[in-house]
Amino acid sequence: MVRATVNRLARPMSPQRILRSRPVRDTFWMTLGILIAAWGLDAFLIPNRIAGGGVSGLATVIFYVLKNLHSPVIVPVGIQMAMMNVVLLVIGIRARGWRYGGKTIFGALGLSVAVDVLALPWFRPLVPHLAANDPLLAALWGGALMGLGVGMVFRVGGNTGGTDIIAQLLTRRISIGIGQLMLALDVIVLVAAGLVFGPTLALYGAVAVFVGGQTIDLVQEGLVTEKAAYIFSLQAAAIGQAIVDELGRGATALKSRGVYSGEDRDVIFCVVSRNELDALKAIVHALDPEAFLVISDVHEVLGEGFKEAGARR
């Protein structure tokens, strides 16, 4: 009985159990991301007539068009966003199933509700209209907060509707970041903003879209804090051992063959932190001044000596 209990405890968690342990965590991060994005819209973008692209930008344009025409019915931005997302939600669910659809509905409706709720007079002390006299500041901060919030939602596999759905579906077929895809899809919204608000505010909207796209990719991929190095050298074994002994980092010898020489050689691959890069270069230069060293940025490293795999999200 004791042995059976120990074996059961030591058995790795099945994929099904792992998936069942995620909903609460994913819902928390999606909710936090939605609130951050809505705060950025209500505090910076919407009151300053800056269309930050996507469904929210288009809804902002329509909102001010109706307001300027003194329409008897002015539909709030959040309700407009919810209405626009209906068709796109159907497309997303048909393409990726109800599991994706559940998170999409939560993200899209959640952001729509949050935008209208935080815009109520009761929340004005918590969500003031900021940077009224500085549209550039409003575009930068509004775009960054939108990108941060939407990026957090993306990171747990959800989205906030609108062009997010199209971007996530296309990114499976096109090797371009989600932020860049959204940037391309937002052009038509910026054109509409230019026609309604004028070219100056449309250009500020473009700044918000660009900053938001870059922030989304940053949240998705992480900060560049590590460096990957490929070392081509006749002293590969000595360099690899020095990396292990001097830097305390692991190193892997990859088998390779020179195209010109036809000779088999080892290539040393390792990942080091940014502040260890100079020491790595010094080791390589000391052991083989003729070595060929290739260094590239690494956005995220999971495993021993770096971030734990379970801390990815």
Protein backbone atom coordinates (compact mmCIF):
# COMPACT_ATOMS: atom_id res chain seq x y z
CA MET A 1 0.00 0.00 0.00
CA VAL A 2 2.81 2.41 0.90
CA ARG A 3 4.68 1.60 -2.31
CA ALA A 4 1.55 2.16 -4.40
CA THR A 5 1.00 5.54 -2.74
CA VAL A 6 4.60 6.63 -3.37
CA ASN A 7 4.43 5.55 -7.00
CA ARG A 8 1.19 7.43 -7.49
CA LEU A 9 2.66 10.60 -5.99
CA ALA A 10 5.83 10.29 -8.04
CA ARG A 11 3.93 9.77 -11.30
CA PRO A 12 4.21 12.86 -13.51
CA MET A 13 1.08 14.91 -13.96
CA SER A 14 -0.80 13.90 -17.10
CA PRO A 15 -1.46 16.49 -19.83
CA GLN A 16 -5.18 16.38 -19.00
CA ARG A 17 -4.51 17.26 -15.35
CA ILE A 18 -2.14 20.05 -16.35
CA LEU A 19 -4.77 21.55 -18.62
CA ARG A 20 -7.38 21.35 -15.89
CA SER A 21 -5.10 23.30 -13.55
CA ARG A 22 -4.89 26.33 -15.87
CA PRO A 23 -8.36 27.94 -16.04
CA VAL A 24 -8.16 29.86 -12.76
CA ARG A 25 -4.69 31.20 -13.52
CA ASP A 26 -5.58 32.05 -17.12
CA THR A 27 -8.77 33.82 -16.04
CA PHE A 28 -6.83 35.90 -13.52
CA TRP A 29 -4.27 37.07 -16.07
CA MET A 30 -6.93 37.71 -18.71
CA THR A 31 -8.98 39.78 -16.26
CA LEU A 32 -5.95 41.81 -15.20
CA GLY A 33 -4.95 42.36 -18.83
CA ILE A 34 -8.49 43.46 -19.75
CA LEU A 35 -8.57 45.99 -16.90
CA ILE A 36 -5.17 47.43 -17.89
CA ALA A 37 -6.20 47.75 -21.55
CA ALA A 38 -9.55 49.33 -20.64
CA TRP A 39 -7.81 51.78 -18.29
CA GLY A 40 -5.45 52.83 -21.08
CA LEU A 41 -8.37 53.38 -23.46
CA ASP A 42 -10.49 55.38 -21.00
CA ALA A 43 -7.65 57.42 -19.51
CA PHE A 44 -5.60 58.25 -22.60
CA LEU A 45 -6.97 57.25 -26.00
CA ILE A 46 -10.76 57.71 -26.14
CA PRO A 47 -10.99 61.12 -24.36
CA ASN A 48 -8.20 62.50 -26.55
CA ARG A 49 -9.83 61.21 -29.78
CA ILE A 50 -6.91 58.93 -30.58
CA ALA A 51 -7.99 55.86 -32.53
CA GLY A 52 -5.59 53.17 -31.39
CA GLY A 53 -6.49 50.81 -34.19
CA GLY A 54 -8.66 47.71 -34.21
CA VAL A 55 -12.26 47.53 -33.09
CA SER A 56 -11.68 49.97 -30.23
CA GLY A 57 -10.26 52.56 -32.63
CA LEU A 58 -13.13 52.16 -35.07
CA ALA A 59 -15.64 52.40 -32.23
CA THR A 60 -13.94 55.59 -31.04
CA VAL A 61 -14.28 57.13 -34.50
CA ILE A 62 -17.98 56.22 -34.75
CA PHE A 63 -18.61 57.49 -31.20
CA TYR A 64 -17.29 60.96 -32.02
CA VAL A 65 -19.02 61.04 -35.42
CA LEU A 66 -22.39 60.48 -33.71
CA LYS A 67 -21.50 62.98 -31.01
CA ASN A 68 -20.52 65.68 -33.52
CA LEU A 69 -23.73 65.08 -35.48
CA HIS A 70 -25.71 65.53 -32.24
CA SER A 71 -27.31 62.17 -32.80
CA PRO A 72 -30.17 61.39 -30.40
CA VAL A 73 -28.63 57.96 -29.89
CA ILE A 74 -24.93 57.79 -29.05
CA VAL A 75 -23.77 54.22 -28.63
CA PRO A 76 -20.95 53.89 -26.05
CA VAL A 77 -17.60 52.64 -27.28
CA GLY A 78 -17.78 49.37 -25.35
CA ILE A 79 -21.19 48.41 -26.73
CA GLN A 80 -19.99 49.15 -30.25
CA MET A 81 -16.98 46.92 -29.70
CA ALA A 82 -19.21 44.07 -28.54
CA MET A 83 -21.47 44.43 -31.59
CA MET A 84 -18.54 44.46 -34.03
CA ASN A 85 -17.02 41.36 -32.48
CA VAL A 86 -20.02 39.09 -33.11
CA VAL A 87 -19.04 38.16 -36.67
CA LEU A 88 -15.36 37.81 -35.84
CA LEU A 89 -16.18 35.60 -32.86
CA VAL A 90 -18.10 33.22 -35.13
CA ILE A 91 -15.06 33.04 -37.44
CA GLY A 92 -12.69 32.36 -34.55
CA ILE A 93 -14.87 29.63 -33.04
CA ARG A 94 -15.32 27.88 -36.38
CA ALA A 95 -11.57 27.98 -37.04
CA ARG A 96 -10.26 26.90 -33.64
CA GLY A 97 -13.14 25.37 -31.70
CA TRP A 98 -15.12 26.20 -28.58
CA ARG A 99 -12.13 26.12 -26.22
CA TYR A 100 -10.67 29.06 -28.14
CA GLY A 101 -14.14 30.55 -28.42
CA GLY A 102 -14.66 30.52 -24.66
CA LYS A 103 -11.55 32.61 -24.02
CA THR A 104 -12.36 34.83 -26.99
CA ILE A 105 -15.88 35.55 -25.76
CA PHE A 106 -14.56 36.26 -22.25
CA GLY A 107 -11.85 38.59 -23.58
CA ALA A 108 -14.01 40.44 -26.10
CA LEU A 109 -17.02 40.93 -23.83
CA GLY A 110 -14.84 41.57 -20.82
CA LEU A 111 -12.98 44.41 -22.52
CA SER A 112 -16.21 45.88 -23.90
CA VAL A 113 -17.83 45.88 -20.46
CA ALA A 114 -14.70 47.18 -18.73
CA VAL A 115 -14.36 50.10 -21.17
CA ASP A 116 -17.93 51.28 -20.55
CA VAL A 117 -17.92 50.61 -16.80
CA LEU A 118 -14.64 52.44 -16.17
CA ALA A 119 -15.94 55.37 -18.23
CA LEU A 120 -18.82 55.92 -15.78
CA PRO A 121 -18.63 59.10 -13.63
CA TRP A 122 -18.35 56.96 -10.50
CA PHE A 123 -14.90 55.74 -11.62
CA ARG A 124 -13.58 59.14 -12.74
CA PRO A 125 -11.28 59.47 -9.67
CA LEU A 126 -9.69 56.12 -10.57
CA VAL A 127 -9.73 56.66 -14.32
CA PRO A 128 -9.03 60.37 -14.93
CA HIS A 129 -8.68 61.80 -18.43
CA LEU A 130 -4.93 62.27 -18.74
CA ALA A 131 -2.58 64.14 -21.11
CA ALA A 132 -5.38 66.30 -22.50
CA ASN A 133 -2.88 68.89 -23.74
CA ASP A 134 -0.24 66.46 -24.92
CA PRO A 135 -1.56 64.00 -27.55
CA LEU A 136 1.88 62.47 -28.05
CA LEU A 137 2.07 61.53 -24.38
CA ALA A 138 -1.47 60.18 -24.57
CA ALA A 139 -0.61 58.08 -27.64
CA LEU A 140 2.55 56.67 -26.06
CA TRP A 141 1.00 55.77 -22.72
CA GLY A 142 -2.31 54.67 -24.18
CA GLY A 143 -0.61 52.45 -26.74
CA ALA A 144 1.75 50.96 -24.16
CA LEU A 145 -1.06 50.15 -21.71
CA MET A 146 -3.22 48.68 -24.47
CA GLY A 147 -0.29 46.56 -25.64
CA LEU A 148 0.51 45.44 -22.11
CA GLY A 149 -3.05 44.41 -21.37
CA VAL A 150 -3.70 42.69 -24.70
CA GLY A 151 -0.29 40.99 -24.54
CA MET A 152 -1.15 39.52 -21.13
CA VAL A 153 -4.38 38.15 -22.58
CA PHE A 154 -2.52 36.70 -25.59
CA ARG A 155 0.06 35.06 -23.33
CA VAL A 156 -2.53 32.75 -21.81
CA GLY A 157 -4.07 31.87 -25.17
CA GLY A 158 -6.98 34.32 -25.20
CA ASN A 159 -7.65 37.56 -27.04
CA THR A 160 -9.83 40.63 -26.82
CA GLY A 161 -11.66 40.21 -30.10
CA GLY A 162 -11.51 42.40 -33.19
CA THR A 163 -8.35 42.32 -35.23
CA ASP A 164 -6.81 40.20 -32.46
CA ILE A 165 -8.80 37.24 -33.80
CA ILE A 166 -7.63 37.77 -37.36
CA ALA A 167 -4.02 38.26 -36.24
CA GLN A 168 -3.97 35.07 -34.15
CA LEU A 169 -5.47 33.03 -36.99
CA LEU A 170 -3.03 34.43 -39.56
CA THR A 171 0.05 34.07 -37.37
CA ARG A 172 -0.26 30.27 -37.73
CA ARG A 173 0.22 30.64 -41.49
CA ILE A 174 2.51 33.67 -41.67
CA SER A 175 5.81 33.92 -39.79
CA ILE A 176 5.20 37.46 -38.55
CA GLY A 177 4.65 38.59 -34.97
CA ILE A 178 1.10 39.18 -33.80
CA GLY A 179 1.89 42.84 -33.13
CA GLN A 180 3.07 43.39 -36.72
CA LEU A 181 0.01 41.64 -38.15
CA MET A 182 -2.26 43.83 -36.08
CA LEU A 183 -0.35 46.87 -37.27
CA ALA A 184 -1.13 45.95 -40.88
CA LEU A 185 -4.79 45.30 -40.11
CA ASP A 186 -5.14 48.65 -38.34
CA VAL A 187 -4.29 50.79 -41.39
CA ILE A 188 -7.93 51.09 -42.48
CA VAL A 189 -8.91 52.31 -39.00
CA LEU A 190 -6.20 54.98 -39.11
CA VAL A 191 -7.46 56.14 -42.51
CA ALA A 192 -10.98 56.48 -41.08
CA ALA A 193 -9.58 58.40 -38.09
CA GLY A 194 -7.76 60.74 -40.48
CA LEU A 195 -10.98 61.50 -42.33
CA VAL A 196 -12.88 62.25 -39.10
CA PHE A 197 -10.29 63.70 -36.70
CA GLY A 198 -7.80 65.10 -39.17
CA PRO A 199 -4.33 63.91 -40.19
CA THR A 200 -2.59 65.05 -37.00
CA LEU A 201 -4.67 62.94 -34.62
CA ALA A 202 -4.52 60.06 -37.10
CA LEU A 203 -0.72 60.20 -36.94
CA TYR A 204 -0.88 60.12 -33.15
CA GLY A 205 -3.15 57.10 -33.53
CA ALA A 206 -0.46 55.46 -35.67
CA VAL A 207 2.03 56.07 -32.85
CA ALA A 208 -0.33 54.39 -30.38
CA VAL A 209 -0.78 51.41 -32.72
CA PHE A 210 2.96 51.02 -33.23
CA VAL A 211 3.77 51.26 -29.52
CA GLY A 212 0.95 48.83 -28.72
CA GLY A 213 2.20 46.30 -31.28
CA GLN A 214 5.75 46.44 -29.98
CA THR A 215 4.54 46.08 -26.39
CA ILE A 216 2.45 43.03 -27.31
CA ASP A 217 5.46 41.32 -28.87
CA LEU A 218 7.57 42.27 -25.85
CA VAL A 219 5.07 40.73 -23.44
CA GLN A 220 4.76 37.63 -25.64
CA GLU A 221 8.47 37.06 -26.20
CA GLY A 222 9.98 38.57 -23.05
CA LEU A 223 12.88 40.96 -22.60
CA VAL A 224 16.14 40.18 -24.33
CA THR A 225 18.23 39.28 -21.28
CA GLU A 226 20.10 36.23 -22.54
CA LYS A 227 22.45 35.58 -25.44
CA ALA A 228 22.89 32.41 -27.47
CA ALA A 229 26.37 31.75 -28.87
CA TYR A 230 27.65 29.40 -31.57
CA ILE A 231 31.42 28.98 -31.45
CA PHE A 232 33.28 27.51 -34.44
CA SER A 233 36.82 26.64 -33.44
CA LEU A 234 39.54 23.99 -33.69
CA GLN A 235 39.74 24.31 -29.89
CA ALA A 236 36.06 23.53 -29.38
CA ALA A 237 36.64 20.98 -26.61
CA ALA A 238 38.83 23.34 -24.58
CA ILE A 239 36.41 26.25 -25.05
CA GLY A 240 33.45 24.13 -23.99
CA GLN A 241 35.25 22.96 -20.87
CA ALA A 242 36.24 26.54 -20.01
CA ILE A 243 32.62 27.66 -20.32
CA VAL A 244 31.61 24.96 -17.85
CA ASP A 245 34.49 25.64 -15.44
CA GLU A 246 34.79 29.43 -15.63
CA LEU A 247 31.20 30.54 -16.26
CA GLY A 248 29.35 27.66 -14.65
CA ARG A 249 27.17 27.33 -17.73
CA GLY A 250 26.34 24.26 -19.73
CA ALA A 251 27.68 23.87 -23.25
CA THR A 252 26.74 21.51 -26.06
CA ALA A 253 29.04 20.22 -28.80
CA LEU A 254 27.18 20.02 -32.10
CA LYS A 255 28.57 17.91 -34.91
CA SER A 256 29.19 19.88 -38.10
CA ARG A 257 31.03 19.60 -41.40
CA GLY A 258 32.72 22.47 -43.18
CA VAL A 259 31.38 22.90 -46.72
CA TYR A 260 34.68 24.23 -48.06
CA SER A 261 37.08 21.97 -46.16
CA GLY A 262 34.83 18.92 -45.89
CA GLU A 263 36.21 18.35 -42.38
CA ASP A 264 34.11 17.24 -39.40
CA ARG A 265 34.28 19.66 -36.47
CA ASP A 266 32.44 20.40 -33.24
CA VAL A 267 30.48 23.61 -32.83
CA ILE A 268 29.96 24.76 -29.25
CA PHE A 269 26.49 26.06 -28.42
CA CYS A 270 25.74 27.81 -25.14
CA VAL A 271 23.37 30.36 -23.62
CA VAL A 272 24.67 33.01 -21.24
CA SER A 273 23.24 36.07 -19.53
CA ARG A 274 24.00 39.49 -20.91
CA ASN A 275 26.52 40.30 -18.18
CA GLU A 276 28.42 37.06 -18.91
CA LEU A 277 28.87 37.86 -22.59
CA ASP A 278 32.18 39.73 -22.20
CA ALA A 279 33.61 36.85 -20.16
CA LEU A 280 32.55 34.39 -22.88
CA LYS A 281 34.27 36.47 -25.55
CA ALA A 282 37.42 36.64 -23.43
CA ILE A 283 37.48 32.85 -23.01
CA VAL A 284 37.05 32.25 -26.73
CA HIS A 285 39.68 34.81 -27.69
CA ALA A 286 42.20 33.46 -25.13
CA LEU A 287 41.89 29.87 -26.34
CA ASP A 288 41.50 30.55 -30.06
CA PRO A 289 41.90 34.09 -31.44
CA GLU A 290 40.84 32.77 -34.87
CA ALA A 291 37.53 31.33 -33.62
CA PHE A 292 34.32 32.28 -35.39
CA LEU A 293 31.68 33.41 -32.88
CA VAL A 294 27.99 34.01 -33.66
CA ILE A 295 25.86 35.70 -30.99
CA SER A 296 22.10 36.18 -31.11
CA ASP A 297 19.39 37.46 -28.78
CA VAL A 298 17.27 35.00 -26.81
CA HIS A 299 13.92 36.23 -25.52
CA GLU A 300 13.22 33.45 -23.07
CA VAL A 301 15.23 30.54 -21.65
CA LEU A 302 13.61 27.83 -19.55
CA GLY A 303 15.62 25.27 -17.66
CA GLU A 304 18.48 24.79 -15.24
CA GLY A 305 20.39 27.98 -14.49
CA PHE A 306 17.67 30.17 -15.99
CA LYS A 307 13.93 30.58 -15.47
CA GLU A 308 12.05 27.53 -14.26
CA ALA A 309 9.74 25.96 -16.83
CA GLY A 310 6.73 26.45 -14.58
CA ALA A 311 7.37 30.21 -14.38
CA ARG A 312 6.75 30.81 -18.06
CA ARG A 313 3.32 32.27 -17.44
